[in-house]
Amino acid sequence: MTVQQRNMDIEEVHVEKRKNSSLVAATFIKYAAYVIIFLGVLYFLAVYVLPKL
């Protein structure tokens, strides 16, 4: 029985998930502002425009 040696290059890859909480907060504030503006436009339409039709 013969033993053969294998030449194998093993590459180790370390993957880290990085959380940038300031980026998450900024994105939340941006989309919250979009929602508030959208609701403001809907309120304006419901109170001032629709009753005049």
N, C-alpha and C. Protein backbone atom coordinates (compact mmCIF):
# COMPACT_ATOMS: atom_id res chain seq x y z
N MET A 1 0.84 -1.16 0.00
CA MET A 1 0.00 0.00 0.00
C MET A 1 0.89 1.24 0.00
N THR A 2 0.67 2.13 -0.93
CA THR A 2 1.50 3.33 -1.01
C THR A 2 0.70 4.54 -0.53
N VAL A 3 1.42 5.44 0.08
CA VAL A 3 0.80 6.66 0.58
C VAL A 3 1.22 7.80 -0.33
N GLN A 4 0.22 8.51 -0.87
CA GLN A 4 0.52 9.63 -1.75
C GLN A 4 0.22 10.92 -1.01
N GLN A 5 1.11 11.86 -1.18
CA GLN A 5 0.89 13.18 -0.58
C GLN A 5 0.27 14.10 -1.60
N ARG A 6 -0.70 14.84 -1.16
CA ARG A 6 -1.36 15.78 -2.06
C ARG A 6 -0.88 17.19 -1.75
N ASN A 7 -0.55 17.90 -2.79
CA ASN A 7 -0.22 19.31 -2.64
C ASN A 7 -1.50 20.10 -2.84
N MET A 8 -2.01 20.61 -1.76
CA MET A 8 -3.25 21.37 -1.84
C MET A 8 -3.02 22.73 -1.21
N ASP A 9 -3.42 23.75 -1.93
CA ASP A 9 -3.38 25.10 -1.38
C ASP A 9 -4.74 25.38 -0.75
N ILE A 10 -4.73 25.60 0.53
CA ILE A 10 -5.96 25.89 1.24
C ILE A 10 -6.00 27.38 1.52
N GLU A 11 -7.05 28.00 1.03
CA GLU A 11 -7.20 29.44 1.23
C GLU A 11 -8.28 29.67 2.27
N GLU A 12 -7.90 30.38 3.31
CA GLU A 12 -8.87 30.69 4.36
C GLU A 12 -9.45 32.06 4.09
N VAL A 13 -10.76 32.11 4.11
CA VAL A 13 -11.45 33.37 3.87
C VAL A 13 -12.27 33.68 5.11
N HIS A 14 -12.02 34.84 5.69
CA HIS A 14 -12.77 35.28 6.86
C HIS A 14 -13.70 36.40 6.42
N VAL A 15 -14.99 36.16 6.57
CA VAL A 15 -15.99 37.15 6.17
C VAL A 15 -16.61 37.73 7.43
N GLU A 16 -16.54 39.04 7.54
CA GLU A 16 -17.12 39.72 8.69
C GLU A 16 -18.28 40.58 8.22
N LYS A 17 -19.40 40.45 8.89
CA LYS A 17 -20.51 41.34 8.59
C LYS A 17 -20.31 42.59 9.41
N ARG A 18 -20.21 43.69 8.72
CA ARG A 18 -20.01 44.96 9.41
C ARG A 18 -21.33 45.71 9.44
N LYS A 19 -21.68 46.16 10.60
CA LYS A 19 -22.89 46.95 10.75
C LYS A 19 -22.50 48.38 11.05
N ASN A 20 -22.94 49.26 10.20
CA ASN A 20 -22.68 50.66 10.41
C ASN A 20 -23.98 51.28 10.89
N SER A 21 -24.11 51.45 12.20
CA SER A 21 -25.38 51.89 12.76
C SER A 21 -25.75 53.29 12.31
N SER A 22 -24.77 54.13 12.04
CA SER A 22 -25.10 55.48 11.59
C SER A 22 -25.70 55.44 10.19
N LEU A 23 -25.24 54.53 9.35
CA LEU A 23 -25.81 54.39 8.01
C LEU A 23 -27.24 53.87 8.09
N VAL A 24 -27.49 52.93 8.98
CA VAL A 24 -28.83 52.41 9.17
C VAL A 24 -29.76 53.50 9.67
N ALA A 25 -29.31 54.29 10.61
CA ALA A 25 -30.12 55.37 11.16
C ALA A 25 -30.42 56.43 10.10
N ALA A 26 -29.43 56.75 9.30
CA ALA A 26 -29.64 57.75 8.25
C ALA A 26 -30.65 57.27 7.22
N THR A 27 -30.57 56.00 6.87
CA THR A 27 -31.53 55.44 5.92
C THR A 27 -32.93 55.43 6.51
N PHE A 28 -33.05 55.09 7.79
CA PHE A 28 -34.36 55.10 8.44
C PHE A 28 -34.95 56.51 8.45
N ILE A 29 -34.14 57.50 8.76
CA ILE A 29 -34.62 58.89 8.80
C ILE A 29 -35.06 59.33 7.40
N LYS A 30 -34.31 58.93 6.39
CA LYS A 30 -34.65 59.32 5.02
C LYS A 30 -36.01 58.75 4.62
N TYR A 31 -36.22 57.46 4.85
CA TYR A 31 -37.48 56.85 4.46
C TYR A 31 -38.63 57.31 5.35
N ALA A 32 -38.36 57.60 6.61
CA ALA A 32 -39.41 58.14 7.48
C ALA A 32 -39.84 59.51 6.97
N ALA A 33 -38.91 60.30 6.49
CA ALA A 33 -39.24 61.61 5.92
C ALA A 33 -40.10 61.44 4.67
N TYR A 34 -39.78 60.46 3.82
CA TYR A 34 -40.60 60.20 2.64
C TYR A 34 -42.04 59.86 3.04
N VAL A 35 -42.20 59.02 4.04
CA VAL A 35 -43.53 58.62 4.48
C VAL A 35 -44.30 59.81 5.05
N ILE A 36 -43.63 60.64 5.84
CA ILE A 36 -44.29 61.81 6.42
C ILE A 36 -44.73 62.79 5.33
N ILE A 37 -43.88 63.01 4.34
CA ILE A 37 -44.24 63.90 3.24
C ILE A 37 -45.42 63.32 2.45
N PHE A 38 -45.40 62.03 2.20
CA PHE A 38 -46.49 61.39 1.48
C PHE A 38 -47.80 61.53 2.25
N LEU A 39 -47.77 61.29 3.55
CA LEU A 39 -48.97 61.44 4.36
C LEU A 39 -49.44 62.90 4.40
N GLY A 40 -48.51 63.83 4.40
CA GLY A 40 -48.88 65.25 4.35
C GLY A 40 -49.59 65.60 3.05
N VAL A 41 -49.12 65.07 1.94
CA VAL A 41 -49.76 65.32 0.65
C VAL A 41 -51.17 64.71 0.64
N LEU A 42 -51.30 63.49 1.17
CA LEU A 42 -52.62 62.87 1.24
C LEU A 42 -53.57 63.67 2.12
N TYR A 43 -53.08 64.19 3.24
CA TYR A 43 -53.90 65.01 4.13
C TYR A 43 -54.35 66.28 3.42
N PHE A 44 -53.42 66.91 2.72
CA PHE A 44 -53.76 68.12 1.98
C PHE A 44 -54.86 67.84 0.95
N LEU A 45 -54.71 66.74 0.23
CA LEU A 45 -55.72 66.39 -0.77
C LEU A 45 -57.07 66.12 -0.11
N ALA A 46 -57.07 65.40 1.00
CA ALA A 46 -58.32 65.03 1.65
C ALA A 46 -59.02 66.24 2.26
N VAL A 47 -58.29 67.19 2.80
CA VAL A 47 -58.90 68.32 3.52
C VAL A 47 -59.24 69.48 2.59
N TYR A 48 -58.36 69.80 1.64
CA TYR A 48 -58.54 71.01 0.86
C TYR A 48 -59.02 70.77 -0.57
N VAL A 49 -58.63 69.70 -1.19
CA VAL A 49 -58.94 69.51 -2.60
C VAL A 49 -60.23 68.72 -2.78
N LEU A 50 -60.37 67.59 -2.12
CA LEU A 50 -61.56 66.75 -2.31
C LEU A 50 -62.88 67.42 -1.92
N PRO A 51 -62.96 68.20 -0.86
CA PRO A 51 -64.25 68.85 -0.55
C PRO A 51 -64.71 69.84 -1.62
N LYS A 52 -63.79 70.38 -2.40
CA LYS A 52 -64.16 71.37 -3.42
C LYS A 52 -64.65 70.72 -4.70
N LEU A 53 -64.51 69.41 -4.81
CA LEU A 53 -64.94 68.74 -6.06
C LEU A 53 -66.40 68.49 -6.09
